[in-house]
Amino acid sequence: MTEQELAALASWIADVGLEGAAETALIEGFCGRAVASGLPLARAIVFIDTLHPIHEGRVFRWERDKAAATVSEYGRSTEGEAAERWAEVRTTDCWKLANR
């Protein structure tokens, strides 16, 4: 990928992002253009975390052999080992605050 191609790709993603294109369109367009420029990209994954206590974020997956990028949302776990660890951390933090 040349510097000119890289600059064109950066310009494209900035323009399309500011236009309000869907996130999947951004990742599909970016990856498709990168491949067309000679970058041997087979797959990509983009994580977008939020500062929300329940809705943690979104994951976008792109694969060269698939028709479209996929999106998955993830949040705070309420089951299993992650939930047990979260309860442990909360309890420990509350104990520390109470015993200052």
PDB file of N, CA and C in Angstrom:
ATOM      1  N   MET A   1       0.849  -1.172   0.000  1.00  0.00           N
ATOM      2  CA  MET A   1       0.000   0.000   0.000  1.00  0.00           C
ATOM      3  C   MET A   1       0.897   1.239   0.000  1.00  0.00           C
ATOM      4  N   THR A   2       0.665   2.110  -0.937  1.00  0.00           N
ATOM      5  CA  THR A   2       1.470   3.329  -1.038  1.00  0.00           C
ATOM      6  C   THR A   2       0.948   4.390  -0.068  1.00  0.00           C
ATOM      7  N   GLU A   3       1.740   5.421   0.117  1.00  0.00           N
ATOM      8  CA  GLU A   3       1.314   6.525   0.980  1.00  0.00           C
ATOM      9  C   GLU A   3       0.070   7.205   0.412  1.00  0.00           C
ATOM     10  N   GLN A   4       0.004   7.302  -0.896  1.00  0.00           N
ATOM     11  CA  GLN A   4      -1.152   7.920  -1.548  1.00  0.00           C
ATOM     12  C   GLN A   4      -2.418   7.078  -1.310  1.00  0.00           C
ATOM     13  N   GLU A   5      -2.296   5.764  -1.419  1.00  0.00           N
ATOM     14  CA  GLU A   5      -3.442   4.883  -1.157  1.00  0.00           C
ATOM     15  C   GLU A   5      -3.859   4.951   0.305  1.00  0.00           C
ATOM     16  N   LEU A   6      -2.888   5.008   1.194  1.00  0.00           N
ATOM     17  CA  LEU A   6      -3.185   5.118   2.621  1.00  0.00           C
ATOM     18  C   LEU A   6      -3.899   6.429   2.931  1.00  0.00           C
ATOM     19  N   ALA A   7      -3.441   7.518   2.330  1.00  0.00           N
ATOM     20  CA  ALA A   7      -4.084   8.819   2.532  1.00  0.00           C
ATOM     21  C   ALA A   7      -5.510   8.809   1.988  1.00  0.00           C
ATOM     22  N   ALA A   8      -5.702   8.178   0.833  1.00  0.00           N
ATOM     23  CA  ALA A   8      -7.046   8.087   0.247  1.00  0.00           C
ATOM     24  C   ALA A   8      -7.971   7.266   1.148  1.00  0.00           C
ATOM     25  N   LEU A   9      -7.453   6.198   1.722  1.00  0.00           N
ATOM     26  CA  LEU A   9      -8.248   5.357   2.621  1.00  0.00           C
ATOM     27  C   LEU A   9      -8.623   6.127   3.889  1.00  0.00           C
ATOM     28  N   ALA A  10      -7.675   6.849   4.440  1.00  0.00           N
ATOM     29  CA  ALA A  10      -7.945   7.651   5.641  1.00  0.00           C
ATOM     30  C   ALA A  10      -8.977   8.736   5.342  1.00  0.00           C
ATOM     31  N   SER A  11      -8.856   9.367   4.200  1.00  0.00           N
ATOM     32  CA  SER A  11      -9.807  10.399   3.800  1.00  0.00           C
ATOM     33  C   SER A  11     -11.196   9.805   3.604  1.00  0.00           C
ATOM     34  N   TRP A  12     -11.251   8.641   2.955  1.00  0.00           N
ATOM     35  CA  TRP A  12     -12.542   7.993   2.712  1.00  0.00           C
ATOM     36  C   TRP A  12     -13.239   7.669   4.027  1.00  0.00           C
ATOM     37  N   ILE A  13     -12.534   7.042   4.964  1.00  0.00           N
ATOM     38  CA  ILE A  13     -13.190   6.632   6.209  1.00  0.00           C
ATOM     39  C   ILE A  13     -13.622   7.843   7.029  1.00  0.00           C
ATOM     40  N   ALA A  14     -12.853   8.913   7.004  1.00  0.00           N
ATOM     41  CA  ALA A  14     -13.253  10.127   7.722  1.00  0.00           C
ATOM     42  C   ALA A  14     -14.519  10.712   7.098  1.00  0.00           C
ATOM     43  N   ASP A  15     -14.552  10.804   5.782  1.00  0.00           N
ATOM     44  CA  ASP A  15     -15.715  11.372   5.086  1.00  0.00           C
ATOM     45  C   ASP A  15     -16.970  10.539   5.320  1.00  0.00           C
ATOM     46  N   VAL A  16     -16.861   9.236   5.153  1.00  0.00           N
ATOM     47  CA  VAL A  16     -18.026   8.353   5.297  1.00  0.00           C
ATOM     48  C   VAL A  16     -18.488   8.305   6.751  1.00  0.00           C
ATOM     49  N   GLY A  17     -17.549   8.320   7.666  1.00  0.00           N
ATOM     50  CA  GLY A  17     -17.915   8.341   9.083  1.00  0.00           C
ATOM     51  C   GLY A  17     -18.648   9.610   9.462  1.00  0.00           C
ATOM     52  N   LEU A  18     -18.183  10.742   8.958  1.00  0.00           N
ATOM     53  CA  LEU A  18     -18.844  12.015   9.249  1.00  0.00           C
ATOM     54  C   LEU A  18     -20.211  12.113   8.582  1.00  0.00           C
ATOM     55  N   GLU A  19     -20.412  11.370   7.487  1.00  0.00           N
ATOM     56  CA  GLU A  19     -21.711  11.348   6.816  1.00  0.00           C
ATOM     57  C   GLU A  19     -22.727  10.519   7.600  1.00  0.00           C
ATOM     58  N   GLY A  20     -22.251   9.733   8.561  1.00  0.00           N
ATOM     59  CA  GLY A  20     -23.142   8.942   9.393  1.00  0.00           C
ATOM     60  C   GLY A  20     -23.433   7.554   8.863  1.00  0.00           C
ATOM     61  N   ALA A  21     -22.531   7.006   8.079  1.00  0.00           N
ATOM     62  CA  ALA A  21     -22.725   5.651   7.541  1.00  0.00           C
ATOM     63  C   ALA A  21     -22.772   4.643   8.684  1.00  0.00           C
ATOM     64  N   ALA A  22     -23.431   3.529   8.441  1.00  0.00           N
ATOM     65  CA  ALA A  22     -23.512   2.450   9.433  1.00  0.00           C
ATOM     66  C   ALA A  22     -22.117   1.898   9.723  1.00  0.00           C
ATOM     67  N   GLU A  23     -21.931   1.415  10.942  1.00  0.00           N
ATOM     68  CA  GLU A  23     -20.623   0.885  11.328  1.00  0.00           C
ATOM     69  C   GLU A  23     -20.203  -0.281  10.441  1.00  0.00           C
ATOM     70  N   THR A  24     -21.148  -1.141  10.092  1.00  0.00           N
ATOM     71  CA  THR A  24     -20.801  -2.277   9.225  1.00  0.00           C
ATOM     72  C   THR A  24     -20.356  -1.793   7.850  1.00  0.00           C
ATOM     73  N   ALA A  25     -20.967  -0.716   7.353  1.00  0.00           N
ATOM     74  CA  ALA A  25     -20.546  -0.156   6.065  1.00  0.00           C
ATOM     75  C   ALA A  25     -19.127   0.396   6.163  1.00  0.00           C
ATOM     76  N   LEU A  26     -18.802   0.972   7.308  1.00  0.00           N
ATOM     77  CA  LEU A  26     -17.444   1.496   7.504  1.00  0.00           C
ATOM     78  C   LEU A  26     -16.406   0.383   7.472  1.00  0.00           C
ATOM     79  N   ILE A  27     -16.655  -0.684   8.235  1.00  0.00           N
ATOM     80  CA  ILE A  27     -15.661  -1.758   8.282  1.00  0.00           C
ATOM     81  C   ILE A  27     -15.581  -2.494   6.942  1.00  0.00           C
ATOM     82  N   GLU A  28     -16.735  -2.719   6.288  1.00  0.00           N
ATOM     83  CA  GLU A  28     -16.720  -3.377   4.979  1.00  0.00           C
ATOM     84  C   GLU A  28     -15.975  -2.532   3.949  1.00  0.00           C
ATOM     85  N   GLY A  29     -16.272  -1.244   3.925  1.00  0.00           N
ATOM     86  CA  GLY A  29     -15.613  -0.349   2.974  1.00  0.00           C
ATOM     87  C   GLY A  29     -14.130  -0.213   3.229  1.00  0.00           C
ATOM     88  N   PHE A  30     -13.764  -0.059   4.502  1.00  0.00           N
ATOM     89  CA  PHE A  30     -12.352   0.084   4.858  1.00  0.00           C
ATOM     90  C   PHE A  30     -11.567  -1.164   4.471  1.00  0.00           C
ATOM     91  N   CYS A  31     -12.077  -2.324   4.893  1.00  0.00           N
ATOM     92  CA  CYS A  31     -11.354  -3.567   4.629  1.00  0.00           C
ATOM     93  C   CYS A  31     -11.317  -3.882   3.133  1.00  0.00           C
ATOM     94  N   GLY A  32     -12.423  -3.666   2.447  1.00  0.00           N
ATOM     95  CA  GLY A  32     -12.448  -3.905   1.005  1.00  0.00           C
ATOM     96  C   GLY A  32     -11.456  -3.030   0.262  1.00  0.00           C
ATOM     97  N   ARG A  33     -11.377  -1.772   0.646  1.00  0.00           N
ATOM     98  CA  ARG A  33     -10.433  -0.852   0.008  1.00  0.00           C
ATOM     99  C   ARG A  33      -8.985  -1.214   0.362  1.00  0.00           C
ATOM    100  N   ALA A  34      -8.752  -1.650   1.585  1.00  0.00           N
ATOM    101  CA  ALA A  34      -7.402  -2.058   1.990  1.00  0.00           C
ATOM    102  C   ALA A  34      -6.944  -3.267   1.170  1.00  0.00           C
ATOM    103  N   VAL A  35      -7.843  -4.242   0.991  1.00  0.00           N
ATOM    104  CA  VAL A  35      -7.519  -5.425   0.179  1.00  0.00           C
ATOM    105  C   VAL A  35      -7.252  -5.018  -1.267  1.00  0.00           C
ATOM    106  N   ALA A  36      -8.097  -4.137  -1.798  1.00  0.00           N
ATOM    107  CA  ALA A  36      -7.928  -3.679  -3.184  1.00  0.00           C
ATOM    108  C   ALA A  36      -6.605  -2.941  -3.384  1.00  0.00           C
ATOM    109  N   SER A  37      -6.084  -2.353  -2.309  1.00  0.00           N
ATOM    110  CA  SER A  37      -4.805  -1.641  -2.379  1.00  0.00           C
ATOM    111  C   SER A  37      -3.608  -2.559  -2.197  1.00  0.00           C
ATOM    112  N   GLY A  38      -3.862  -3.850  -2.002  1.00  0.00           N
ATOM    113  CA  GLY A  38      -2.762  -4.801  -1.902  1.00  0.00           C
ATOM    114  C   GLY A  38      -2.464  -5.308  -0.506  1.00  0.00           C
ATOM    115  N   LEU A  39      -3.192  -4.858   0.499  1.00  0.00           N
ATOM    116  CA  LEU A  39      -2.971  -5.349   1.860  1.00  0.00           C
ATOM    117  C   LEU A  39      -3.574  -6.754   1.963  1.00  0.00           C
ATOM    118  N   PRO A  40      -2.796  -7.760   2.332  1.00  0.00           N
ATOM    119  CA  PRO A  40      -3.303  -9.135   2.377  1.00  0.00           C
ATOM    120  C   PRO A  40      -4.145  -9.399   3.627  1.00  0.00           C
ATOM    121  N   LEU A  41      -5.274  -8.725   3.709  1.00  0.00           N
ATOM    122  CA  LEU A  41      -6.139  -8.792   4.878  1.00  0.00           C
ATOM    123  C   LEU A  41      -7.154  -9.913   4.692  1.00  0.00           C
ATOM    124  N   ALA A  42      -7.221 -10.831   5.658  1.00  0.00           N
ATOM    125  CA  ALA A  42      -8.165 -11.944   5.588  1.00  0.00           C
ATOM    126  C   ALA A  42      -9.368 -11.701   6.505  1.00  0.00           C
ATOM    127  N   ARG A  43      -9.137 -11.056   7.644  1.00  0.00           N
ATOM    128  CA  ARG A  43     -10.227 -10.778   8.572  1.00  0.00           C
ATOM    129  C   ARG A  43      -9.835  -9.598   9.470  1.00  0.00           C
ATOM    130  N   ALA A  44     -10.866  -8.981  10.027  1.00  0.00           N
ATOM    131  CA  ALA A  44     -10.642  -7.843  10.929  1.00  0.00           C
ATOM    132  C   ALA A  44     -11.720  -7.865  11.998  1.00  0.00           C
ATOM    133  N   ILE A  45     -11.385  -7.315  13.143  1.00  0.00           N
ATOM    134  CA  ILE A  45     -12.334  -7.201  14.235  1.00  0.00           C
ATOM    135  C   ILE A  45     -12.150  -5.826  14.871  1.00  0.00           C
ATOM    136  N   VAL A  46     -13.258  -5.173  15.144  1.00  0.00           N
ATOM    137  CA  VAL A  46     -13.238  -3.843  15.750  1.00  0.00           C
ATOM    138  C   VAL A  46     -14.117  -3.874  16.990  1.00  0.00           C
ATOM    139  N   PHE A  47     -13.575  -3.452  18.117  1.00  0.00           N
ATOM    140  CA  PHE A  47     -14.318  -3.360  19.369  1.00  0.00           C
ATOM    141  C   PHE A  47     -14.600  -1.891  19.650  1.00  0.00           C
ATOM    142  N   ILE A  48     -15.814  -1.606  20.059  1.00  0.00           N
ATOM    143  CA  ILE A  48     -16.158  -0.251  20.488  1.00  0.00           C
ATOM    144  C   ILE A  48     -16.741  -0.369  21.886  1.00  0.00           C
ATOM    145  N   ASP A  49     -15.970   0.050  22.886  1.00  0.00           N
ATOM    146  CA  ASP A  49     -16.435   0.025  24.271  1.00  0.00           C
ATOM    147  C   ASP A  49     -17.155   1.327  24.589  1.00  0.00           C
ATOM    148  N   THR A  50     -18.071   1.255  25.541  1.00  0.00           N
ATOM    149  CA  THR A  50     -18.783   2.442  25.999  1.00  0.00           C
ATOM    150  C   THR A  50     -18.497   2.647  27.474  1.00  0.00           C
ATOM    151  N   LEU A  51     -18.934   3.758  27.995  1.00  0.00           N
ATOM    152  CA  LEU A  51     -18.778   4.033  29.424  1.00  0.00           C
ATOM    153  C   LEU A  51     -20.093   3.804  30.153  1.00  0.00           C
ATOM    154  N   HIS A  52     -20.881   2.875  29.668  1.00  0.00           N
ATOM    155  CA  HIS A  52     -22.172   2.556  30.269  1.00  0.00           C
ATOM    156  C   HIS A  52     -22.010   1.331  31.170  1.00  0.00           C
ATOM    157  N   PRO A  53     -22.613   1.316  32.353  1.00  0.00           N
ATOM    158  CA  PRO A  53     -22.401   0.194  33.280  1.00  0.00           C
ATOM    159  C   PRO A  53     -23.053  -1.122  32.863  1.00  0.00           C
ATOM    160  N   ILE A  54     -24.029  -1.085  31.973  1.00  0.00           N
ATOM    161  CA  ILE A  54     -24.695  -2.309  31.555  1.00  0.00           C
ATOM    162  C   ILE A  54     -24.391  -2.639  30.096  1.00  0.00           C
ATOM    163  N   HIS A  55     -24.484  -1.658  29.215  1.00  0.00           N
ATOM    164  CA  HIS A  55     -24.239  -1.870  27.793  1.00  0.00           C
ATOM    165  C   HIS A  55     -22.762  -1.596  27.518  1.00  0.00           C
ATOM    166  N   GLU A  56     -21.980  -2.638  27.534  1.00  0.00           N
ATOM    167  CA  GLU A  56     -20.531  -2.479  27.460  1.00  0.00           C
ATOM    168  C   GLU A  56     -20.025  -2.040  26.092  1.00  0.00           C
ATOM    169  N   GLY A  57     -20.532  -2.625  25.011  1.00  0.00           N
ATOM    170  CA  GLY A  57     -20.022  -2.222  23.717  1.00  0.00           C
ATOM    171  C   GLY A  57     -20.494  -3.107  22.582  1.00  0.00           C
ATOM    172  N   ARG A  58     -19.808  -2.957  21.446  1.00  0.00           N
ATOM    173  CA  ARG A  58     -20.153  -3.692  20.238  1.00  0.00           C
ATOM    174  C   ARG A  58     -18.875  -4.234  19.596  1.00  0.00           C
ATOM    175  N   VAL A  59     -19.029  -5.363  18.905  1.00  0.00           N
ATOM    176  CA  VAL A  59     -17.917  -5.989  18.195  1.00  0.00           C
ATOM    177  C   VAL A  59     -18.339  -6.149  16.740  1.00  0.00           C
ATOM    178  N   PHE A  60     -17.482  -5.704  15.833  1.00  0.00           N
ATOM    179  CA  PHE A  60     -17.732  -5.835  14.402  1.00  0.00           C
ATOM    180  C   PHE A  60     -16.686  -6.783  13.829  1.00  0.00           C
ATOM    181  N   ARG A  61     -17.162  -7.774  13.075  1.00  0.00           N
ATOM    182  CA  ARG A  61     -16.262  -8.762  12.474  1.00  0.00           C
ATOM    183  C   ARG A  61     -16.399  -8.721  10.958  1.00  0.00           C
ATOM    184  N   TRP A  62     -15.272  -8.683  10.283  1.00  0.00           N
ATOM    185  CA  TRP A  62     -15.239  -8.705   8.827  1.00  0.00           C
ATOM    186  C   TRP A  62     -14.329  -9.854   8.394  1.00  0.00           C
ATOM    187  N   GLU A  63     -14.793 -10.623   7.410  1.00  0.00           N
ATOM    188  CA  GLU A  63     -13.985 -11.686   6.822  1.00  0.00           C
ATOM    189  C   GLU A  63     -14.059 -11.559   5.307  1.00  0.00           C
ATOM    190  N   ARG A  64     -12.915 -11.660   4.672  1.00  0.00           N
ATOM    191  CA  ARG A  64     -12.842 -11.471   3.224  1.00  0.00           C
ATOM    192  C   ARG A  64     -13.780 -12.411   2.474  1.00  0.00           C
ATOM    193  N   ASP A  65     -13.968 -13.619   2.967  1.00  0.00           N
ATOM    194  CA  ASP A  65     -14.784 -14.615   2.276  1.00  0.00           C
ATOM    195  C   ASP A  65     -16.281 -14.510   2.587  1.00  0.00           C
ATOM    196  N   LYS A  66     -16.683 -13.586   3.458  1.00  0.00           N
ATOM    197  CA  LYS A  66     -18.096 -13.452   3.837  1.00  0.00           C
ATOM    198  C   LYS A  66     -18.717 -12.265   3.092  1.00  0.00           C
ATOM    199  N   ALA A  67     -20.016 -12.359   2.878  1.00  0.00           N
ATOM    200  CA  ALA A  67     -20.728 -11.318   2.127  1.00  0.00           C
ATOM    201  C   ALA A  67     -20.821 -10.002   2.897  1.00  0.00           C
ATOM    202  N   ALA A  68     -20.962 -10.072   4.224  1.00  0.00           N
ATOM    203  CA  ALA A  68     -21.157  -8.847   5.007  1.00  0.00           C
ATOM    204  C   ALA A  68     -20.492  -8.966   6.374  1.00  0.00           C
ATOM    205  N   ALA A  69     -20.183  -7.825   6.935  1.00  0.00           N
ATOM    206  CA  ALA A  69     -19.642  -7.773   8.292  1.00  0.00           C
ATOM    207  C   ALA A  69     -20.769  -8.074   9.276  1.00  0.00           C
ATOM    208  N   THR A  70     -20.418  -8.608  10.431  1.00  0.00           N
ATOM    209  CA  THR A  70     -21.410  -8.893  11.466  1.00  0.00           C
ATOM    210  C   THR A  70     -21.164  -7.995  12.667  1.00  0.00           C
ATOM    211  N   VAL A  71     -22.197  -7.790  13.440  1.00  0.00           N
ATOM    212  CA  VAL A  71     -22.093  -6.983  14.652  1.00  0.00           C
ATOM    213  C   VAL A  71     -22.701  -7.762  15.809  1.00  0.00           C
ATOM    214  N   SER A  72     -22.037  -7.697  16.957  1.00  0.00           N
ATOM    215  CA  SER A  72     -22.527  -8.316  18.188  1.00  0.00           C
ATOM    216  C   SER A  72     -22.408  -7.288  19.303  1.00  0.00           C
ATOM    217  N   GLU A  73     -23.408  -7.252  20.152  1.00  0.00           N
ATOM    218  CA  GLU A  73     -23.345  -6.381  21.314  1.00  0.00           C
ATOM    219  C   GLU A  73     -22.980  -7.220  22.529  1.00  0.00           C
ATOM    220  N   TYR A  74     -22.234  -6.630  23.431  1.00  0.00           N
ATOM    221  CA  TYR A  74     -21.896  -7.342  24.657  1.00  0.00           C
ATOM    222  C   TYR A  74     -22.114  -6.411  25.841  1.00  0.00           C
ATOM    223  N   GLY A  75     -22.380  -7.002  26.977  1.00  0.00           N
ATOM    224  CA  GLY A  75     -22.645  -6.222  28.172  1.00  0.00           C
ATOM    225  C   GLY A  75     -22.136  -6.919  29.400  1.00  0.00           C
ATOM    226  N   ARG A  76     -22.491  -6.381  30.521  1.00  0.00           N
ATOM    227  CA  ARG A  76     -22.062  -6.941  31.792  1.00  0.00           C
ATOM    228  C   ARG A  76     -22.650  -8.342  31.934  1.00  0.00           C
ATOM    229  N   SER A  77     -21.823  -9.275  32.303  1.00  0.00           N
ATOM    230  CA  SER A  77     -22.271 -10.656  32.478  1.00  0.00           C
ATOM    231  C   SER A  77     -23.047 -10.793  33.784  1.00  0.00           C
ATOM    232  N   THR A  78     -24.147 -11.548  33.730  1.00  0.00           N
ATOM    233  CA  THR A  78     -24.933 -11.779  34.936  1.00  0.00           C
ATOM    234  C   THR A  78     -24.942 -13.249  35.313  1.00  0.00           C
ATOM    235  N   GLU A  79     -24.149 -14.045  34.623  1.00  0.00           N
ATOM    236  CA  GLU A  79     -24.113 -15.475  34.899  1.00  0.00           C
ATOM    237  C   GLU A  79     -22.669 -15.963  34.968  1.00  0.00           C
ATOM    238  N   GLY A  80     -22.489 -17.048  35.678  1.00  0.00           N
ATOM    239  CA  GLY A  80     -21.222 -17.765  35.668  1.00  0.00           C
ATOM    240  C   GLY A  80     -20.085 -17.081  36.393  1.00  0.00           C
ATOM    241  N   GLU A  81     -18.880 -17.435  35.977  1.00  0.00           N
ATOM    242  CA  GLU A  81     -17.654 -17.011  36.640  1.00  0.00           C
ATOM    243  C   GLU A  81     -17.476 -15.493  36.623  1.00  0.00           C
ATOM    244  N   ALA A  82     -17.810 -14.842  35.497  1.00  0.00           N
ATOM    245  CA  ALA A  82     -17.652 -13.386  35.409  1.00  0.00           C
ATOM    246  C   ALA A  82     -18.544 -12.684  36.435  1.00  0.00           C
ATOM    247  N   ALA A  83     -19.775 -13.154  36.591  1.00  0.00           N
ATOM    248  CA  ALA A  83     -20.694 -12.552  37.558  1.00  0.00           C
ATOM    249  C   ALA A  83     -20.192 -12.768  38.978  1.00  0.00           C
ATOM    250  N   GLU A  84     -19.656 -13.944  39.262  1.00  0.00           N
ATOM    251  CA  GLU A  84     -19.114 -14.221  40.595  1.00  0.00           C
ATOM    252  C   GLU A  84     -17.935 -13.297  40.887  1.00  0.00           C
ATOM    253  N   ARG A  85     -17.074 -13.106  39.908  1.00  0.00           N
ATOM    254  CA  ARG A  85     -15.914 -12.216  40.083  1.00  0.00           C
ATOM    255  C   ARG A  85     -16.380 -10.781  40.307  1.00  0.00           C
ATOM    256  N   TRP A  86     -17.392 -10.342  39.548  1.00  0.00           N
ATOM    257  CA  TRP A  86     -17.926  -8.997  39.703  1.00  0.00           C
ATOM    258  C   TRP A  86     -18.468  -8.802  41.117  1.00  0.00           C
ATOM    259  N   ALA A  87     -19.221  -9.782  41.637  1.00  0.00           N
ATOM    260  CA  ALA A  87     -19.770  -9.697  42.994  1.00  0.00           C
ATOM    261  C   ALA A  87     -18.641  -9.617  44.021  1.00  0.00           C
ATOM    262  N   GLU A  88     -17.576 -10.379  43.787  1.00  0.00           N
ATOM    263  CA  GLU A  88     -16.426 -10.369  44.696  1.00  0.00           C
ATOM    264  C   GLU A  88     -15.755  -9.000  44.711  1.00  0.00           C
ATOM    265  N   VAL A  89     -15.559  -8.408  43.544  1.00  0.00           N
ATOM    266  CA  VAL A  89     -14.930  -7.094  43.458  1.00  0.00           C
ATOM    267  C   VAL A  89     -15.788  -6.044  44.143  1.00  0.00           C
ATOM    268  N   ARG A  90     -17.092  -6.058  43.891  1.00  0.00           N
ATOM    269  CA  ARG A  90     -18.014  -5.102  44.518  1.00  0.00           C
ATOM    270  C   ARG A  90     -17.971  -5.215  46.028  1.00  0.00           C
ATOM    271  N   THR A  91     -18.011  -6.443  46.543  1.00  0.00           N
ATOM    272  CA  THR A  91     -17.992  -6.665  47.986  1.00  0.00           C
ATOM    273  C   THR A  91     -16.690  -6.163  48.582  1.00  0.00           C
ATOM    274  N   THR A  92     -15.583  -6.459  47.935  1.00  0.00           N
ATOM    275  CA  THR A  92     -14.270  -6.017  48.422  1.00  0.00           C
ATOM    276  C   THR A  92     -14.181  -4.502  48.424  1.00  0.00           C
ATOM    277  N   ASP A  93     -14.650  -3.851  47.362  1.00  0.00           N
ATOM    278  CA  ASP A  93     -14.604  -2.392  47.284  1.00  0.00           C
ATOM    279  C   ASP A  93     -15.480  -1.753  48.360  1.00  0.00           C
ATOM    280  N   CYS A  94     -16.658  -2.321  48.593  1.00  0.00           N
ATOM    281  CA  CYS A  94     -17.545  -1.787  49.631  1.00  0.00           C
ATOM    282  C   CYS A  94     -16.905  -1.918  51.000  1.00  0.00           C
ATOM    283  N   TRP A  95     -16.237  -3.053  51.258  1.00  0.00           N
ATOM    284  CA  TRP A  95     -15.581  -3.275  52.538  1.00  0.00           C
ATOM    285  C   TRP A  95     -14.465  -2.257  52.742  1.00  0.00           C
ATOM    286  N   LYS A  96     -13.686  -2.019  51.678  1.00  0.00           N
ATOM    287  CA  LYS A  96     -12.587  -1.043  51.787  1.00  0.00           C
ATOM    288  C   LYS A  96     -13.114   0.349  52.080  1.00  0.00           C
ATOM    289  N   LEU A  97     -14.194   0.741  51.404  1.00  0.00           N
ATOM    290  CA  LEU A  97     -14.762   2.084  51.621  1.00  0.00           C
ATOM    291  C   LEU A  97     -15.316   2.213  53.032  1.00  0.00           C
ATOM    292  N   ALA A  98     -15.949   1.168  53.534  1.00  0.00           N
ATOM    293  CA  ALA A  98     -16.557   1.220  54.858  1.00  0.00           C
ATOM    294  C   ALA A  98     -15.517   1.247  55.968  1.00  0.00           C
ATOM    295  N   ASN A  99     -14.322   0.761  55.699  1.00  0.00           N
ATOM    296  CA  ASN A  99     -13.289   0.643  56.735  1.00  0.00           C
ATOM    297  C   ASN A  99     -12.156   1.649  56.545  1.00  0.00           C
ATOM    298  N   ARG A 100     -12.471   2.782  56.019  1.00  0.00           N
ATOM    299  CA  ARG A 100     -11.445   3.823  55.855  1.00  0.00           C
ATOM    300  C   ARG A 100     -11.199   4.533  57.146  1.00  0.00           C
TER     301      ARG A 100
END
